[in-house]
PDB file of N, CA and C in Angstrom:
ATOM      1  N   UNK A   1       5.376  17.681 -38.592  1.00  0.00           N
ATOM      2  CA  UNK A   1       5.773  17.882 -37.213  1.00  0.00           C
ATOM      3  C   UNK A   1       4.734  18.699 -36.458  1.00  0.00           C
ATOM      4  N   UNK A   2       4.225  19.766 -37.081  1.00  0.00           N
ATOM      5  CA  UNK A   2       3.213  20.601 -36.441  1.00  0.00           C
ATOM      6  C   UNK A   2       1.938  19.829 -36.137  1.00  0.00           C
ATOM      7  N   UNK A   3       1.579  18.888 -37.020  1.00  0.00           N
ATOM      8  CA  UNK A   3       0.378  18.089 -36.804  1.00  0.00           C
ATOM      9  C   UNK A   3       0.527  17.221 -35.558  1.00  0.00           C
ATOM     10  N   UNK A   4       1.705  16.664 -35.355  1.00  0.00           N
ATOM     11  CA  UNK A   4       1.960  15.840 -34.165  1.00  0.00           C
ATOM     12  C   UNK A   4       1.888  16.688 -32.899  1.00  0.00           C
ATOM     13  N   UNK A   5       2.454  17.872 -32.923  1.00  0.00           N
ATOM     14  CA  UNK A   5       2.426  18.761 -31.758  1.00  0.00           C
ATOM     15  C   UNK A   5       0.993  19.146 -31.435  1.00  0.00           C
ATOM     16  N   UNK A   6       0.219  19.433 -32.459  1.00  0.00           N
ATOM     17  CA  UNK A   6      -1.183  19.803 -32.260  1.00  0.00           C
ATOM     18  C   UNK A   6      -1.975  18.618 -31.704  1.00  0.00           C
ATOM     19  N   UNK A   7      -1.693  17.418 -32.206  1.00  0.00           N
ATOM     20  CA  UNK A   7      -2.374  16.222 -31.706  1.00  0.00           C
ATOM     21  C   UNK A   7      -2.051  15.989 -30.231  1.00  0.00           C
ATOM     22  N   UNK A   8      -0.796  16.157 -29.860  1.00  0.00           N
ATOM     23  CA  UNK A   8      -0.390  15.992 -28.462  1.00  0.00           C
ATOM     24  C   UNK A   8      -1.052  17.052 -27.593  1.00  0.00           C
ATOM     25  N   UNK A   9      -1.107  18.291 -28.088  1.00  0.00           N
ATOM     26  CA  UNK A   9      -1.742  19.365 -27.336  1.00  0.00           C
ATOM     27  C   UNK A   9      -3.217  19.061 -27.097  1.00  0.00           C
ATOM     28  N   UNK A  10      -3.909  18.568 -28.137  1.00  0.00           N
ATOM     29  CA  UNK A  10      -5.326  18.227 -27.996  1.00  0.00           C
ATOM     30  C   UNK A  10      -5.533  17.088 -27.002  1.00  0.00           C
ATOM     31  N   UNK A  11      -4.642  16.089 -27.026  1.00  0.00           N
ATOM     32  CA  UNK A  11      -4.742  14.994 -26.063  1.00  0.00           C
ATOM     33  C   UNK A  11      -4.532  15.490 -24.635  1.00  0.00           C
ATOM     34  N   UNK A  12      -3.588  16.406 -24.454  1.00  0.00           N
ATOM     35  CA  UNK A  12      -3.343  16.961 -23.123  1.00  0.00           C
ATOM     36  C   UNK A  12      -4.544  17.746 -22.618  1.00  0.00           C
ATOM     37  N   UNK A  13      -5.140  18.540 -23.482  1.00  0.00           N
ATOM     38  CA  UNK A  13      -6.324  19.324 -23.101  1.00  0.00           C
ATOM     39  C   UNK A  13      -7.483  18.387 -22.762  1.00  0.00           C
ATOM     40  N   UNK A  14      -7.677  17.366 -23.598  1.00  0.00           N
ATOM     41  CA  UNK A  14      -8.762  16.402 -23.365  1.00  0.00           C
ATOM     42  C   UNK A  14      -8.578  15.706 -22.014  1.00  0.00           C
ATOM     43  N   UNK A  15      -7.366  15.249 -21.745  1.00  0.00           N
ATOM     44  CA  UNK A  15      -7.129  14.550 -20.484  1.00  0.00           C
ATOM     45  C   UNK A  15      -7.175  15.491 -19.289  1.00  0.00           C
ATOM     46  N   UNK A  16      -6.819  16.745 -19.496  1.00  0.00           N
ATOM     47  CA  UNK A  16      -6.931  17.728 -18.424  1.00  0.00           C
ATOM     48  C   UNK A  16      -8.404  17.909 -18.044  1.00  0.00           C
ATOM     49  N   UNK A  17      -9.284  17.982 -19.036  1.00  0.00           N
ATOM     50  CA  UNK A  17     -10.716  18.114 -18.779  1.00  0.00           C
ATOM     51  C   UNK A  17     -11.250  16.883 -18.071  1.00  0.00           C
ATOM     52  N   UNK A  18     -10.794  15.717 -18.498  1.00  0.00           N
ATOM     53  CA  UNK A  18     -11.254  14.480 -17.873  1.00  0.00           C
ATOM     54  C   UNK A  18     -10.774  14.377 -16.429  1.00  0.00           C
ATOM     55  N   UNK A  19      -9.537  14.791 -16.184  1.00  0.00           N
ATOM     56  CA  UNK A  19      -9.013  14.772 -14.824  1.00  0.00           C
ATOM     57  C   UNK A  19      -9.785  15.740 -13.937  1.00  0.00           C
ATOM     58  N   UNK A  20     -10.099  16.912 -14.467  1.00  0.00           N
ATOM     59  CA  UNK A  20     -10.888  17.886 -13.703  1.00  0.00           C
ATOM     60  C   UNK A  20     -12.267  17.316 -13.380  1.00  0.00           C
ATOM     61  N   UNK A  21     -12.860  16.604 -14.323  1.00  0.00           N
ATOM     62  CA  UNK A  21     -14.161  15.982 -14.086  1.00  0.00           C
ATOM     63  C   UNK A  21     -14.051  14.916 -13.000  1.00  0.00           C
ATOM     64  N   UNK A  22     -12.998  14.115 -13.043  1.00  0.00           N
ATOM     65  CA  UNK A  22     -12.802  13.073 -12.036  1.00  0.00           C
ATOM     66  C   UNK A  22     -12.597  13.687 -10.654  1.00  0.00           C
ATOM     67  N   UNK A  23     -11.840  14.770 -10.566  1.00  0.00           N
ATOM     68  CA  UNK A  23     -11.636  15.445  -9.283  1.00  0.00           C
ATOM     69  C   UNK A  23     -12.935  16.025  -8.747  1.00  0.00           C
ATOM     70  N   UNK A  24     -13.749  16.575  -9.626  1.00  0.00           N
ATOM     71  CA  UNK A  24     -15.050  17.121  -9.216  1.00  0.00           C
ATOM     72  C   UNK A  24     -15.932  16.010  -8.653  1.00  0.00           C
ATOM     73  N   UNK A  25     -15.927  14.858  -9.314  1.00  0.00           N
ATOM     74  CA  UNK A  25     -16.713  13.730  -8.832  1.00  0.00           C
ATOM     75  C   UNK A  25     -16.190  13.234  -7.485  1.00  0.00           C
ATOM     76  N   UNK A  26     -14.876  13.237  -7.320  1.00  0.00           N
ATOM     77  CA  UNK A  26     -14.286  12.796  -6.045  1.00  0.00           C
ATOM     78  C   UNK A  26     -14.664  13.741  -4.913  1.00  0.00           C
ATOM     79  N   UNK A  27     -14.668  15.037  -5.187  1.00  0.00           N
ATOM     80  CA  UNK A  27     -15.066  16.012  -4.168  1.00  0.00           C
ATOM     81  C   UNK A  27     -16.515  15.788  -3.754  1.00  0.00           C
ATOM     82  N   UNK A  28     -17.358  15.482  -4.716  1.00  0.00           N
ATOM     83  CA  UNK A  28     -18.767  15.219  -4.418  1.00  0.00           C
ATOM     84  C   UNK A  28     -18.886  13.961  -3.548  1.00  0.00           C
ATOM     85  N   UNK A  29     -18.097  12.949  -3.847  1.00  0.00           N
ATOM     86  CA  UNK A  29     -18.128  11.721  -3.049  1.00  0.00           C
ATOM     87  C   UNK A  29     -17.659  11.992  -1.620  1.00  0.00           C
ATOM     88  N   UNK A  30     -16.631  12.807  -1.458  1.00  0.00           N
ATOM     89  CA  UNK A  30     -16.155  13.157  -0.115  1.00  0.00           C
ATOM     90  C   UNK A  30     -17.245  13.898   0.648  1.00  0.00           C
ATOM     91  N   UNK A  31     -17.928  14.801  -0.021  1.00  0.00           N
ATOM     92  CA  UNK A  31     -19.022  15.542   0.614  1.00  0.00           C
ATOM     93  C   UNK A  31     -20.118  14.585   1.076  1.00  0.00           C
ATOM     94  N   UNK A  32     -20.437  13.609   0.233  1.00  0.00           N
ATOM     95  CA  UNK A  32     -21.475  12.653   0.597  1.00  0.00           C
ATOM     96  C   UNK A  32     -21.031  11.738   1.742  1.00  0.00           C
ATOM     97  N   UNK A  33     -19.771  11.366   1.752  1.00  0.00           N
ATOM     98  CA  UNK A  33     -19.261  10.537   2.852  1.00  0.00           C
ATOM     99  C   UNK A  33     -19.316  11.306   4.162  1.00  0.00           C
ATOM    100  N   UNK A  34     -18.974  12.588   4.123  1.00  0.00           N
ATOM    101  CA  UNK A  34     -19.090  13.418   5.326  1.00  0.00           C
ATOM    102  C   UNK A  34     -20.547  13.507   5.774  1.00  0.00           C
ATOM    103  N   UNK A  35     -21.452  13.656   4.819  1.00  0.00           N
ATOM    104  CA  UNK A  35     -22.875  13.731   5.141  1.00  0.00           C
ATOM    105  C   UNK A  35     -23.338  12.432   5.790  1.00  0.00           C
ATOM    106  N   UNK A  36     -22.806  11.306   5.327  1.00  0.00           N
ATOM    107  CA  UNK A  36     -23.217   9.996   5.840  1.00  0.00           C
ATOM    108  C   UNK A  36     -22.820   9.793   7.298  1.00  0.00           C
ATOM    109  N   UNK A  37     -21.869  10.590   7.797  1.00  0.00           N
ATOM    110  CA  UNK A  37     -21.452  10.432   9.190  1.00  0.00           C
ATOM    111  C   UNK A  37     -22.494  10.947  10.173  1.00  0.00           C
ATOM    112  N   UNK A  38     -23.378  11.836   9.716  1.00  0.00           N
ATOM    113  CA  UNK A  38     -24.375  12.394  10.634  1.00  0.00           C
ATOM    114  C   UNK A  38     -25.816  12.240  10.164  1.00  0.00           C
ATOM    115  N   UNK A  39     -26.026  11.741   8.962  1.00  0.00           N
ATOM    116  CA  UNK A  39     -27.385  11.475   8.493  1.00  0.00           C
ATOM    117  C   UNK A  39     -27.338  10.358   7.458  1.00  0.00           C
ATOM    118  N   UNK A  40     -28.498   9.818   7.162  1.00  0.00           N
ATOM    119  CA  UNK A  40     -28.524   8.719   6.192  1.00  0.00           C
ATOM    120  C   UNK A  40     -28.598   9.271   4.770  1.00  0.00           C
ATOM    121  N   UNK A  41     -28.075   8.484   3.850  1.00  0.00           N
ATOM    122  CA  UNK A  41     -28.063   8.873   2.438  1.00  0.00           C
ATOM    123  C   UNK A  41     -29.204   8.182   1.709  1.00  0.00           C
ATOM    124  N   UNK A  42     -29.697   8.837   0.671  1.00  0.00           N
ATOM    125  CA  UNK A  42     -30.716   8.179  -0.149  1.00  0.00           C
ATOM    126  C   UNK A  42     -30.026   7.229  -1.131  1.00  0.00           C
ATOM    127  N   UNK A  43     -30.810   6.476  -1.871  1.00  0.00           N
ATOM    128  CA  UNK A  43     -30.266   5.458  -2.782  1.00  0.00           C
ATOM    129  C   UNK A  43     -29.374   6.069  -3.864  1.00  0.00           C
ATOM    130  N   UNK A  44     -29.758   7.225  -4.376  1.00  0.00           N
ATOM    131  CA  UNK A  44     -28.977   7.876  -5.424  1.00  0.00           C
ATOM    132  C   UNK A  44     -27.604   8.302  -4.891  1.00  0.00           C
ATOM    133  N   UNK A  45     -27.572   8.856  -3.687  1.00  0.00           N
ATOM    134  CA  UNK A  45     -26.303   9.287  -3.091  1.00  0.00           C
ATOM    135  C   UNK A  45     -25.396   8.083  -2.818  1.00  0.00           C
ATOM    136  N   UNK A  46     -25.995   6.994  -2.345  1.00  0.00           N
ATOM    137  CA  UNK A  46     -25.214   5.774  -2.107  1.00  0.00           C
ATOM    138  C   UNK A  46     -24.620   5.247  -3.407  1.00  0.00           C
ATOM    139  N   UNK A  47     -25.391   5.307  -4.481  1.00  0.00           N
ATOM    140  CA  UNK A  47     -24.907   4.846  -5.784  1.00  0.00           C
ATOM    141  C   UNK A  47     -23.763   5.728  -6.285  1.00  0.00           C
ATOM    142  N   UNK A  48     -23.864   7.046  -6.073  1.00  0.00           N
ATOM    143  CA  UNK A  48     -22.780   7.953  -6.474  1.00  0.00           C
ATOM    144  C   UNK A  48     -21.484   7.626  -5.732  1.00  0.00           C
ATOM    145  N   UNK A  49     -21.588   7.353  -4.444  1.00  0.00           N
ATOM    146  CA  UNK A  49     -20.400   6.996  -3.667  1.00  0.00           C
ATOM    147  C   UNK A  49     -19.817   5.681  -4.173  1.00  0.00           C
ATOM    148  N   UNK A  50     -20.675   4.720  -4.435  1.00  0.00           N
ATOM    149  CA  UNK A  50     -20.216   3.412  -4.922  1.00  0.00           C
ATOM    150  C   UNK A  50     -19.456   3.563  -6.245  1.00  0.00           C
ATOM    151  N   UNK A  51     -20.021   4.326  -7.169  1.00  0.00           N
ATOM    152  CA  UNK A  51     -19.382   4.528  -8.471  1.00  0.00           C
ATOM    153  C   UNK A  51     -18.031   5.219  -8.302  1.00  0.00           C
ATOM    154  N   UNK A  52     -17.978   6.232  -7.462  1.00  0.00           N
ATOM    155  CA  UNK A  52     -16.734   6.984  -7.286  1.00  0.00           C
ATOM    156  C   UNK A  52     -15.657   6.132  -6.612  1.00  0.00           C
ATOM    157  N   UNK A  53     -16.039   5.331  -5.628  1.00  0.00           N
ATOM    158  CA  UNK A  53     -15.057   4.458  -4.979  1.00  0.00           C
ATOM    159  C   UNK A  53     -14.523   3.417  -5.958  1.00  0.00           C
ATOM    160  N   UNK A  54     -15.385   2.911  -6.840  1.00  0.00           N
ATOM    161  CA  UNK A  54     -14.922   1.993  -7.883  1.00  0.00           C
ATOM    162  C   UNK A  54     -13.957   2.694  -8.834  1.00  0.00           C
ATOM    163  N   UNK A  55     -14.242   3.951  -9.174  1.00  0.00           N
ATOM    164  CA  UNK A  55     -13.334   4.722 -10.031  1.00  0.00           C
ATOM    165  C   UNK A  55     -11.968   4.886  -9.382  1.00  0.00           C
ATOM    166  N   UNK A  56     -11.949   5.155  -8.088  1.00  0.00           N
ATOM    167  CA  UNK A  56     -10.681   5.304  -7.371  1.00  0.00           C
ATOM    168  C   UNK A  56      -9.919   3.982  -7.394  1.00  0.00           C
ATOM    169  N   UNK A  57     -10.631   2.889  -7.188  1.00  0.00           N
ATOM    170  CA  UNK A  57      -9.988   1.571  -7.219  1.00  0.00           C
ATOM    171  C   UNK A  57      -9.449   1.228  -8.608  1.00  0.00           C
ATOM    172  N   UNK A  58     -10.095   1.731  -9.651  1.00  0.00           N
ATOM    173  CA  UNK A  58      -9.602   1.515 -11.014  1.00  0.00           C
ATOM    174  C   UNK A  58      -8.388   2.389 -11.309  1.00  0.00           C
ATOM    175  N   UNK A  59      -8.358   3.581 -10.761  1.00  0.00           N
ATOM    176  CA  UNK A  59      -7.280   4.523 -11.060  1.00  0.00           C
ATOM    177  C   UNK A  59      -5.946   4.076 -10.465  1.00  0.00           C
ATOM    178  N   UNK A  60      -5.974   3.410  -9.328  1.00  0.00           N
ATOM    179  CA  UNK A  60      -4.730   3.021  -8.661  1.00  0.00           C
ATOM    180  C   UNK A  60      -3.909   2.060  -9.523  1.00  0.00           C
ATOM    181  N   UNK A  61      -4.476   0.961 -10.065  1.00  0.00           N
ATOM    182  CA  UNK A  61      -3.658   0.092 -10.921  1.00  0.00           C
ATOM    183  C   UNK A  61      -3.178   0.790 -12.196  1.00  0.00           C
ATOM    184  N   UNK A  62      -4.034   1.638 -12.787  1.00  0.00           N
ATOM    185  CA  UNK A  62      -3.628   2.352 -13.998  1.00  0.00           C
ATOM    186  C   UNK A  62      -2.452   3.273 -13.698  1.00  0.00           C
ATOM    187  N   UNK A  63      -2.489   3.951 -12.566  1.00  0.00           N
ATOM    188  CA  UNK A  63      -1.392   4.830 -12.179  1.00  0.00           C
ATOM    189  C   UNK A  63      -0.130   4.025 -11.912  1.00  0.00           C
ATOM    190  N   UNK A  64      -0.276   2.872 -11.266  1.00  0.00           N
ATOM    191  CA  UNK A  64       0.887   2.027 -10.980  1.00  0.00           C
ATOM    192  C   UNK A  64       1.545   1.559 -12.278  1.00  0.00           C
ATOM    193  N   UNK A  65       0.750   1.154 -13.255  1.00  0.00           N
ATOM    194  CA  UNK A  65       1.302   0.728 -14.545  1.00  0.00           C
ATOM    195  C   UNK A  65       2.002   1.899 -15.221  1.00  0.00           C
ATOM    196  N   UNK A  66       1.370   3.076 -15.176  1.00  0.00           N
ATOM    197  CA  UNK A  66       1.949   4.258 -15.830  1.00  0.00           C
ATOM    198  C   UNK A  66       3.298   4.625 -15.220  1.00  0.00           C
ATOM    199  N   UNK A  67       3.458   4.436 -13.916  1.00  0.00           N
ATOM    200  CA  UNK A  67       4.689   4.819 -13.241  1.00  0.00           C
ATOM    201  C   UNK A  67       5.831   3.825 -13.456  1.00  0.00           C
ATOM    202  N   UNK A  68       5.518   2.624 -13.931  1.00  0.00           N
ATOM    203  CA  UNK A  68       6.565   1.640 -14.211  1.00  0.00           C
ATOM    204  C   UNK A  68       7.434   2.110 -15.373  1.00  0.00           C
ATOM    205  N   UNK A  69       8.693   1.672 -15.402  1.00  0.00           N
ATOM    206  CA  UNK A  69       9.517   1.992 -16.581  1.00  0.00           C
ATOM    207  C   UNK A  69       8.841   1.430 -17.841  1.00  0.00           C
ATOM    208  N   UNK A  70       8.612   2.273 -18.805  1.00  0.00           N
ATOM    209  CA  UNK A  70       7.909   1.865 -20.021  1.00  0.00           C
ATOM    210  C   UNK A  70       6.397   1.825 -19.851  1.00  0.00           C
ATOM    211  N   UNK A  71       5.917   2.251 -18.719  1.00  0.00           N
ATOM    212  CA  UNK A  71       4.483   2.205 -18.446  1.00  0.00           C
ATOM    213  C   UNK A  71       3.667   3.094 -19.356  1.00  0.00           C
ATOM    214  N   UNK A  72       4.247   4.191 -19.795  1.00  0.00           N
ATOM    215  CA  UNK A  72       3.536   5.092 -20.707  1.00  0.00           C
ATOM    216  C   UNK A  72       3.242   4.382 -22.031  1.00  0.00           C
ATOM    217  N   UNK A  73       4.079   3.419 -22.389  1.00  0.00           N
ATOM    218  CA  UNK A  73       3.834   2.632 -23.598  1.00  0.00           C
ATOM    219  C   UNK A  73       2.932   1.434 -23.309  1.00  0.00           C
ATOM    220  N   UNK A  74       3.049   0.887 -22.120  1.00  0.00           N
ATOM    221  CA  UNK A  74       2.279  -0.295 -21.744  1.00  0.00           C
ATOM    222  C   UNK A  74       0.817   0.030 -21.440  1.00  0.00           C
ATOM    223  N   UNK A  75       0.561   1.180 -20.832  1.00  0.00           N
ATOM    224  CA  UNK A  75      -0.806   1.529 -20.427  1.00  0.00           C
ATOM    225  C   UNK A  75      -1.790   1.555 -21.599  1.00  0.00           C
ATOM    226  N   UNK A  76      -1.456   2.168 -22.743  1.00  0.00           N
ATOM    227  CA  UNK A  76      -2.411   2.136 -23.863  1.00  0.00           C
ATOM    228  C   UNK A  76      -2.720   0.714 -24.337  1.00  0.00           C
ATOM    229  N   UNK A  77      -1.726  -0.171 -24.297  1.00  0.00           N
ATOM    230  CA  UNK A  77      -1.970  -1.561 -24.682  1.00  0.00           C
ATOM    231  C   UNK A  77      -2.890  -2.242 -23.672  1.00  0.00           C
ATOM    232  N   UNK A  78      -2.647  -1.974 -22.407  1.00  0.00           N
ATOM    233  CA  UNK A  78      -3.476  -2.539 -21.352  1.00  0.00           C
ATOM    234  C   UNK A  78      -4.911  -2.034 -21.459  1.00  0.00           C
ATOM    235  N   UNK A  79      -5.074  -0.777 -21.824  1.00  0.00           N
ATOM    236  CA  UNK A  79      -6.411  -0.193 -21.986  1.00  0.00           C
ATOM    237  C   UNK A  79      -7.152  -0.860 -23.144  1.00  0.00           C
ATOM    238  N   UNK A  80      -6.418  -1.194 -24.210  1.00  0.00           N
ATOM    239  CA  UNK A  80      -7.040  -1.900 -25.337  1.00  0.00           C
ATOM    240  C   UNK A  80      -7.544  -3.274 -24.899  1.00  0.00           C
ATOM    241  N   UNK A  81      -6.758  -3.958 -24.053  1.00  0.00           N
ATOM    242  CA  UNK A  81      -7.136  -5.293 -23.599  1.00  0.00           C
ATOM    243  C   UNK A  81      -8.207  -5.262 -22.522  1.00  0.00           C
ATOM    244  N   UNK A  82      -8.100  -4.275 -21.608  1.00  0.00           N
ATOM    245  CA  UNK A  82      -9.037  -4.155 -20.481  1.00  0.00           C
ATOM    246  C   UNK A  82      -9.564  -2.720 -20.451  1.00  0.00           C
ATOM    247  N   UNK A  83     -10.563  -2.404 -21.265  1.00  0.00           N
ATOM    248  CA  UNK A  83     -11.041  -1.018 -21.347  1.00  0.00           C
ATOM    249  C   UNK A  83     -11.622  -0.472 -20.044  1.00  0.00           C
ATOM    250  N   UNK A  84     -12.083  -1.347 -19.162  1.00  0.00           N
ATOM    251  CA  UNK A  84     -12.693  -0.889 -17.909  1.00  0.00           C
ATOM    252  C   UNK A  84     -11.671  -0.537 -16.841  1.00  0.00           C
ATOM    253  N   UNK A  85     -10.388  -0.527 -17.176  1.00  0.00           N
ATOM    254  CA  UNK A  85      -9.364  -0.232 -16.170  1.00  0.00           C
ATOM    255  C   UNK A  85      -9.324   1.255 -15.820  1.00  0.00           C
ATOM    256  N   UNK A  86      -9.853   2.093 -16.689  1.00  0.00           N
ATOM    257  CA  UNK A  86      -9.825   3.535 -16.439  1.00  0.00           C
ATOM    258  C   UNK A  86     -11.079   3.996 -15.709  1.00  0.00           C
ATOM    259  N   UNK A  87     -10.961   5.065 -14.912  1.00  0.00           N
ATOM    260  CA  UNK A  87     -12.144   5.644 -14.249  1.00  0.00           C
ATOM    261  C   UNK A  87     -13.168   6.116 -15.282  1.00  0.00           C
ATOM    262  N   UNK A  88     -14.406   6.249 -14.850  1.00  0.00           N
ATOM    263  CA  UNK A  88     -15.502   6.583 -15.765  1.00  0.00           C
ATOM    264  C   UNK A  88     -15.293   7.899 -16.509  1.00  0.00           C
ATOM    265  N   UNK A  89     -14.657   8.868 -15.898  1.00  0.00           N
ATOM    266  CA  UNK A  89     -14.436  10.152 -16.576  1.00  0.00           C
ATOM    267  C   UNK A  89     -13.558   9.988 -17.808  1.00  0.00           C
ATOM    268  N   UNK A  90     -12.723   8.968 -17.829  1.00  0.00           N
ATOM    269  CA  UNK A  90     -11.827   8.741 -18.954  1.00  0.00           C
ATOM    270  C   UNK A  90     -12.420   7.775 -19.974  1.00  0.00           C
ATOM    271  N   UNK A  91     -13.626   7.277 -19.733  1.00  0.00           N
ATOM    272  CA  UNK A  91     -14.266   6.349 -20.656  1.00  0.00           C
ATOM    273  C   UNK A  91     -15.376   6.996 -21.457  1.00  0.00           C
ATOM    274  N   UNK A  92     -15.607   8.276 -21.280  1.00  0.00           N
ATOM    275  CA  UNK A  92     -16.679   8.968 -21.998  1.00  0.00           C
ATOM    276  C   UNK A  92     -16.379   9.009 -23.484  1.00  0.00           C
ATOM    277  N   UNK A  93     -17.391   9.356 -24.243  1.00  0.00           N
ATOM    278  CA  UNK A  93     -17.265   9.477 -25.683  1.00  0.00           C
ATOM    279  C   UNK A  93     -16.259  10.582 -26.004  1.00  0.00           C
ATOM    280  N   UNK A  94     -15.190  10.267 -26.740  1.00  0.00           N
ATOM    281  CA  UNK A  94     -14.178  11.282 -27.042  1.00  0.00           C
ATOM    282  C   UNK A  94     -14.728  12.459 -27.848  1.00  0.00           C
ATOM    283  N   UNK A  95     -15.832  12.279 -28.575  1.00  0.00           N
ATOM    284  CA  UNK A  95     -16.409  13.381 -29.342  1.00  0.00           C
ATOM    285  C   UNK A  95     -16.897  14.498 -28.427  1.00  0.00           C
ATOM    286  N   UNK A  96     -17.328  14.155 -27.208  1.00  0.00           N
ATOM    287  CA  UNK A  96     -17.835  15.153 -26.268  1.00  0.00           C
ATOM    288  C   UNK A  96     -16.742  16.098 -25.793  1.00  0.00           C
ATOM    289  N   UNK A  97     -15.497  15.644 -25.813  1.00  0.00           N
ATOM    290  CA  UNK A  97     -14.400  16.443 -25.281  1.00  0.00           C
ATOM    291  C   UNK A  97     -14.125  17.703 -26.084  1.00  0.00           C
ATOM    292  N   UNK A  98     -14.509  17.716 -27.337  1.00  0.00           N
ATOM    293  CA  UNK A  98     -14.158  18.844 -28.195  1.00  0.00           C
ATOM    294  C   UNK A  98     -15.349  19.716 -28.515  1.00  0.00           C
ATOM    295  N   UNK A  99     -16.443  19.527 -27.797  1.00  0.00           N
ATOM    296  CA  UNK A  99     -17.628  20.355 -28.037  1.00  0.00           C
ATOM    297  C   UNK A  99     -17.706  21.471 -27.045  1.00  0.00           C
TER     298      UNK A  99
END
């Protein structure tokens, strides 16, 4: 029983870190979008915005599935079938999360 609790705790911590990373990236994208209203962006900044907007578009369907009745069970299966459904922060190497 303790092993299961510890495993759940580690998963929560890992996902908390990933969510914080995704929020940080979103804040950076908002900053760049604000900058784009009064000056032009370089190619790297445009690429960062593109990646972040794609991540947001990926997160919406994943969240919708999760909110469905039984979605917490369905989402992991969907991720196995379509691994690109999650934002980039959640697709990183899991080994990095514990270093």
